N, C-alpha and C. Protein backbone atom coordinates (compact mmCIF):
# COMPACT_ATOMS: atom_id res chain seq x y z
N MET A 1 0.90 -1.27 -0.08
CA MET A 1 0.00 0.04 0.04
C MET A 1 0.95 1.23 -0.07
N THR A 2 0.67 2.10 -0.91
CA THR A 2 1.47 3.35 -1.05
C THR A 2 0.61 4.53 -0.55
N LYS A 3 1.37 5.43 0.20
CA LYS A 3 0.81 6.52 0.72
C LYS A 3 1.04 7.61 -0.29
N ILE A 4 0.01 8.61 -0.53
CA ILE A 4 0.27 9.61 -1.36
C ILE A 4 0.10 10.91 -0.41
N GLY A 5 1.20 11.85 -0.53
CA GLY A 5 1.22 12.91 0.21
C GLY A 5 2.38 13.92 0.03
N ASN A 6 2.54 14.83 0.82
CA ASN A 6 3.58 15.74 0.69
C ASN A 6 4.51 15.79 1.86
N GLN A 7 5.62 16.40 1.84
CA GLN A 7 6.48 16.46 2.94
C GLN A 7 5.79 17.16 4.07
N VAL A 8 6.01 16.50 5.14
CA VAL A 8 5.28 17.04 6.47
C VAL A 8 5.96 18.27 6.97
N VAL A 9 5.07 19.40 7.20
CA VAL A 9 5.56 20.56 7.80
C VAL A 9 5.45 20.25 9.33
N GLN A 10 6.70 20.48 9.96
CA GLN A 10 6.78 20.06 11.36
C GLN A 10 6.13 21.14 12.19
N VAL A 11 5.41 20.78 13.29
CA VAL A 11 4.71 21.71 14.18
C VAL A 11 5.17 21.30 15.64
N PRO A 12 5.24 22.27 16.48
CA PRO A 12 5.73 22.01 17.96
C PRO A 12 4.90 20.90 18.58
N ASN A 13 5.72 20.13 19.39
CA ASN A 13 5.07 19.14 20.24
C ASN A 13 4.79 19.67 21.63
N GLY A 14 3.99 19.07 22.27
CA GLY A 14 3.74 19.47 23.64
C GLY A 14 2.23 19.60 23.97
N MET A 15 1.95 20.30 25.04
CA MET A 15 0.57 20.37 25.32
C MET A 15 -0.21 21.50 24.66
N ASP A 16 0.42 22.39 24.19
CA ASP A 16 -0.15 23.58 23.43
C ASP A 16 -0.53 23.22 22.15
N LEU A 17 -1.71 23.66 21.79
CA LEU A 17 -2.17 23.14 20.43
C LEU A 17 -1.30 23.96 19.26
N ASN A 18 -1.28 23.30 18.04
CA ASN A 18 -0.45 23.88 17.02
C ASN A 18 -1.22 23.90 15.90
N ASP A 19 -0.66 24.47 14.93
CA ASP A 19 -1.46 24.59 13.60
C ASP A 19 -2.13 23.36 13.03
N LYS A 20 -1.31 22.20 13.03
CA LYS A 20 -2.04 20.95 12.67
C LYS A 20 -3.20 20.60 13.45
N ASP A 21 -3.15 20.81 14.93
CA ASP A 21 -4.15 20.59 15.74
C ASP A 21 -5.41 21.35 15.45
N TYR A 22 -5.16 22.67 15.26
CA TYR A 22 -6.34 23.55 14.87
C TYR A 22 -6.97 23.31 13.64
N CYS A 23 -6.06 22.74 12.64
CA CYS A 23 -6.66 22.29 11.28
C CYS A 23 -7.42 21.12 11.40
N ILE A 24 -6.96 20.03 12.17
CA ILE A 24 -7.76 18.88 12.25
C ILE A 24 -9.14 19.22 13.00
N CYS A 25 -9.02 19.86 14.16
CA CYS A 25 -10.30 20.27 14.82
C CYS A 25 -11.25 21.00 13.78
N LEU A 26 -10.89 21.99 13.01
CA LEU A 26 -11.63 22.72 12.18
C LEU A 26 -12.24 21.81 10.97
N LEU A 27 -11.35 21.02 10.56
CA LEU A 27 -11.78 20.01 9.50
C LEU A 27 -12.87 19.08 9.98
N THR A 28 -12.75 18.53 11.14
CA THR A 28 -13.66 17.70 11.81
C THR A 28 -14.99 18.55 11.90
N THR A 29 -14.95 19.84 12.49
CA THR A 29 -16.17 20.59 12.62
C THR A 29 -16.83 20.86 11.18
N LEU A 30 -15.97 21.09 10.23
CA LEU A 30 -16.74 21.58 9.02
C LEU A 30 -17.37 20.24 8.36
N LYS A 31 -16.72 19.21 8.56
CA LYS A 31 -17.39 17.87 7.75
C LYS A 31 -18.66 17.63 8.63
N GLU A 32 -18.60 17.82 9.87
CA GLU A 32 -19.95 17.61 10.66
C GLU A 32 -20.95 18.73 10.37
N MET A 33 -20.52 19.84 10.07
CA MET A 33 -21.54 20.89 9.70
C MET A 33 -22.16 20.55 8.42
N GLU A 34 -21.26 20.04 7.40
CA GLU A 34 -21.70 19.66 6.11
C GLU A 34 -22.88 18.63 6.27
N LYS A 35 -22.55 17.62 6.99
CA LYS A 35 -23.65 16.58 7.11
C LYS A 35 -24.85 17.21 7.74
N ASN A 36 -24.77 18.00 8.78
CA ASN A 36 -25.97 18.57 9.40
C ASN A 36 -26.86 19.37 8.33
N TYR A 37 -26.08 20.21 7.53
CA TYR A 37 -26.79 21.08 6.74
C TYR A 37 -27.28 20.21 5.54
N ALA A 38 -26.84 19.02 5.15
CA ALA A 38 -27.41 18.18 4.31
C ALA A 38 -28.73 17.56 4.70
N ILE A 39 -28.55 17.37 6.00
CA ILE A 39 -29.96 16.78 6.59
C ILE A 39 -31.01 17.84 6.57
N ALA A 40 -30.47 19.12 7.10
CA ALA A 40 -31.34 20.28 7.28
C ALA A 40 -32.03 20.63 6.01
N MET A 41 -31.42 20.51 4.99
CA MET A 41 -31.79 20.77 3.65
C MET A 41 -33.01 19.80 3.17
N THR A 42 -32.93 18.49 3.50
CA THR A 42 -33.87 17.50 3.29
C THR A 42 -35.15 17.60 3.92
N GLU A 43 -34.98 18.43 5.24
CA GLU A 43 -36.20 18.59 5.93
C GLU A 43 -36.68 20.00 6.07
N ALA A 44 -36.18 20.80 5.05
CA ALA A 44 -36.59 22.27 5.09
C ALA A 44 -38.10 22.30 4.54
N SER A 45 -38.77 23.11 5.32
CA SER A 45 -40.31 23.10 5.06
C SER A 45 -40.75 23.85 3.87
N ASN A 46 -39.84 24.76 3.49
CA ASN A 46 -40.19 25.62 2.16
C ASN A 46 -38.96 25.92 1.52
N GLU A 47 -39.13 26.50 0.32
CA GLU A 47 -37.97 26.80 -0.59
C GLU A 47 -37.20 27.89 -0.16
N TRP A 48 -37.59 28.81 0.52
CA TRP A 48 -36.96 30.03 1.01
C TRP A 48 -35.88 29.38 2.04
N LEU A 49 -36.37 28.58 3.11
CA LEU A 49 -35.51 28.02 4.08
C LEU A 49 -34.53 27.12 3.40
N TRP A 50 -34.95 26.19 2.36
CA TRP A 50 -34.06 25.44 1.81
C TRP A 50 -32.90 26.24 1.02
N GLU A 51 -33.18 27.23 0.49
CA GLU A 51 -32.22 28.02 -0.19
C GLU A 51 -31.10 28.58 0.75
N ILE A 52 -31.52 29.00 2.02
CA ILE A 52 -30.62 29.48 2.94
C ILE A 52 -29.83 28.36 3.35
N TYR A 53 -30.30 27.23 3.65
CA TYR A 53 -29.44 25.90 4.07
C TYR A 53 -28.55 25.73 2.93
N HIS A 54 -29.02 25.74 1.70
CA HIS A 54 -28.08 25.35 0.59
C HIS A 54 -27.07 26.42 0.41
N ASN A 55 -27.31 27.52 0.57
CA ASN A 55 -26.14 28.54 0.44
C ASN A 55 -25.11 28.38 1.48
N ILE A 56 -25.53 28.11 2.86
CA ILE A 56 -24.55 27.98 3.91
C ILE A 56 -23.92 26.56 3.53
N PHE A 57 -24.50 25.60 3.22
CA PHE A 57 -23.84 24.29 2.81
C PHE A 57 -22.72 24.43 1.81
N ASP A 58 -23.04 25.18 0.74
CA ASP A 58 -21.97 25.49 -0.29
C ASP A 58 -20.82 26.08 0.24
N GLU A 59 -21.08 27.23 1.03
CA GLU A 59 -19.84 27.97 1.67
C GLU A 59 -19.01 27.03 2.59
N ILE A 60 -19.72 26.07 3.47
CA ILE A 60 -19.06 25.28 4.28
C ILE A 60 -18.27 24.10 3.50
N SER A 61 -18.92 23.77 2.34
CA SER A 61 -18.15 22.85 1.43
C SER A 61 -16.84 23.45 0.85
N VAL A 62 -16.93 24.71 0.42
CA VAL A 62 -15.83 25.25 -0.17
C VAL A 62 -14.71 25.39 1.03
N LEU A 63 -15.15 25.95 2.19
CA LEU A 63 -14.13 26.04 3.17
C LEU A 63 -13.43 24.63 3.62
N GLN A 64 -14.33 23.68 3.60
CA GLN A 64 -13.95 22.38 3.88
C GLN A 64 -12.93 21.82 2.91
N ARG A 65 -13.10 22.10 1.76
CA ARG A 65 -12.20 21.64 0.57
C ARG A 65 -10.86 22.45 0.87
N LYS A 66 -10.87 23.74 0.93
CA LYS A 66 -9.62 24.54 1.10
C LYS A 66 -8.82 24.21 2.11
N LEU A 67 -9.52 23.88 3.21
CA LEU A 67 -8.74 23.30 4.43
C LEU A 67 -8.16 21.92 4.18
N TYR A 68 -8.81 21.19 3.53
CA TYR A 68 -8.35 19.93 3.17
C TYR A 68 -6.94 20.14 2.24
N ILE A 69 -7.08 20.87 1.22
CA ILE A 69 -5.94 21.06 0.47
C ILE A 69 -4.74 21.68 1.15
N LEU A 70 -5.08 22.71 2.02
CA LEU A 70 -3.98 23.02 2.90
C LEU A 70 -3.25 22.17 3.81
N MET A 71 -4.01 21.32 4.30
CA MET A 71 -3.47 20.20 5.11
C MET A 71 -2.77 19.27 4.22
N PHE A 72 -3.18 18.82 3.14
CA PHE A 72 -2.58 17.93 2.23
C PHE A 72 -1.25 18.55 1.63
N GLN A 73 -1.29 19.88 1.42
CA GLN A 73 -0.14 20.53 1.13
C GLN A 73 1.11 20.55 2.16
N ASN A 74 0.64 20.59 3.37
CA ASN A 74 1.42 20.59 4.61
C ASN A 74 1.85 19.19 4.93
N GLY A 75 1.34 18.18 4.35
CA GLY A 75 1.70 16.86 4.74
C GLY A 75 1.03 16.28 5.89
N TRP A 76 -0.07 16.99 6.23
CA TRP A 76 -0.80 16.59 7.49
C TRP A 76 -1.94 15.67 6.98
N TYR A 77 -2.24 15.47 5.96
CA TYR A 77 -3.24 14.57 5.48
C TYR A 77 -2.83 13.72 4.27
N GLN A 78 -2.77 12.45 4.36
CA GLN A 78 -2.22 11.55 3.29
C GLN A 78 -3.39 10.69 2.78
N LEU A 79 -3.18 10.29 1.48
CA LEU A 79 -4.10 9.33 0.88
C LEU A 79 -3.42 8.00 0.66
N GLU A 80 -4.27 7.16 0.43
CA GLU A 80 -3.90 5.80 0.20
C GLU A 80 -3.90 5.50 -1.38
N ASN A 81 -2.79 5.04 -1.94
CA ASN A 81 -2.89 4.56 -3.44
C ASN A 81 -3.46 3.26 -3.39
N VAL A 82 -4.76 3.16 -4.08
CA VAL A 82 -5.48 1.78 -3.91
C VAL A 82 -5.39 1.13 -5.30
N GLU A 83 -5.22 -0.12 -5.21
CA GLU A 83 -5.29 -1.07 -6.37
C GLU A 83 -6.51 -0.95 -7.12
N ALA A 84 -6.45 -1.08 -8.35
CA ALA A 84 -7.72 -1.06 -9.31
C ALA A 84 -8.68 -2.17 -8.73
N LYS A 85 -8.24 -3.34 -8.52
CA LYS A 85 -9.17 -4.39 -7.97
C LYS A 85 -9.94 -4.01 -6.78
N LYS A 86 -9.29 -3.26 -5.87
CA LYS A 86 -9.89 -2.90 -4.50
C LYS A 86 -11.03 -1.92 -5.01
N LEU A 87 -10.84 -0.93 -5.92
CA LEU A 87 -11.79 -0.06 -6.34
C LEU A 87 -13.02 -0.72 -7.03
N THR A 88 -12.66 -1.62 -7.93
CA THR A 88 -13.73 -2.45 -8.64
C THR A 88 -14.42 -3.22 -7.70
N ASP A 89 -13.83 -3.87 -6.89
CA ASP A 89 -14.63 -4.61 -5.58
C ASP A 89 -15.55 -3.69 -4.96
N LYS A 90 -15.11 -2.56 -4.50
CA LYS A 90 -15.96 -1.65 -3.73
C LYS A 90 -17.06 -1.16 -4.59
N TYR A 91 -16.89 -0.79 -5.86
CA TYR A 91 -17.79 -0.52 -6.75
C TYR A 91 -19.02 -1.43 -6.90
N ASN A 92 -18.47 -2.62 -7.10
CA ASN A 92 -19.41 -3.83 -7.38
C ASN A 92 -20.23 -4.03 -6.19
N THR A 93 -19.73 -3.84 -4.99
CA THR A 93 -20.45 -4.08 -3.68
C THR A 93 -21.58 -2.99 -3.62
N LEU A 94 -21.30 -1.71 -3.82
CA LEU A 94 -22.04 -0.71 -3.65
C LEU A 94 -23.19 -0.82 -4.76
N ASN A 95 -22.81 -1.13 -6.01
CA ASN A 95 -23.85 -1.19 -7.11
C ASN A 95 -24.80 -2.31 -6.82
N LYS A 96 -24.39 -3.36 -6.29
CA LYS A 96 -25.19 -4.62 -5.81
C LYS A 96 -26.22 -4.08 -4.88
N ASP A 97 -25.62 -3.31 -3.78
CA ASP A 97 -26.66 -2.71 -2.81
C ASP A 97 -27.56 -1.74 -3.44
N PHE A 98 -27.19 -0.94 -4.35
CA PHE A 98 -28.01 0.02 -4.92
C PHE A 98 -29.06 -0.77 -5.84
N GLN A 99 -28.72 -1.75 -6.56
CA GLN A 99 -29.67 -2.45 -7.31
C GLN A 99 -30.68 -3.17 -6.48
N GLY A 100 -30.34 -3.52 -5.28
CA GLY A 100 -31.28 -4.17 -4.26
C GLY A 100 -32.05 -3.13 -3.70
N LEU A 101 -31.77 -1.81 -3.77
CA LEU A 101 -32.78 -0.78 -3.30
C LEU A 101 -33.90 -0.55 -4.36
N SER A 102 -33.59 -0.84 -5.50
CA SER A 102 -34.54 -0.48 -6.65
C SER A 102 -35.49 -1.51 -6.95
N GLN A 103 -35.36 -2.59 -6.23
CA GLN A 103 -36.24 -3.85 -6.62
C GLN A 103 -37.56 -3.69 -5.95
């Protein structure tokens, strides 16, 4: 398994929070907010309210993506290089589950 990432920008160790700690906390919070606004949009009682939620969701999504890119560039977020077979297997599993829903 190969990891994909950049050289890690070192941050101070110790009890004090550092830039990486703040970014991890913020990224986690933004992801949670995205999920909650997605749910809020599905439960919006009218178009006006849905539009407000949708605009906020879009802004949060952009912030989350920018923060992810920043963390990746600093080597604080790494990806796994996955074999094609593993992707195909996952696709087939999800596709089977989806087909089961439409029956």
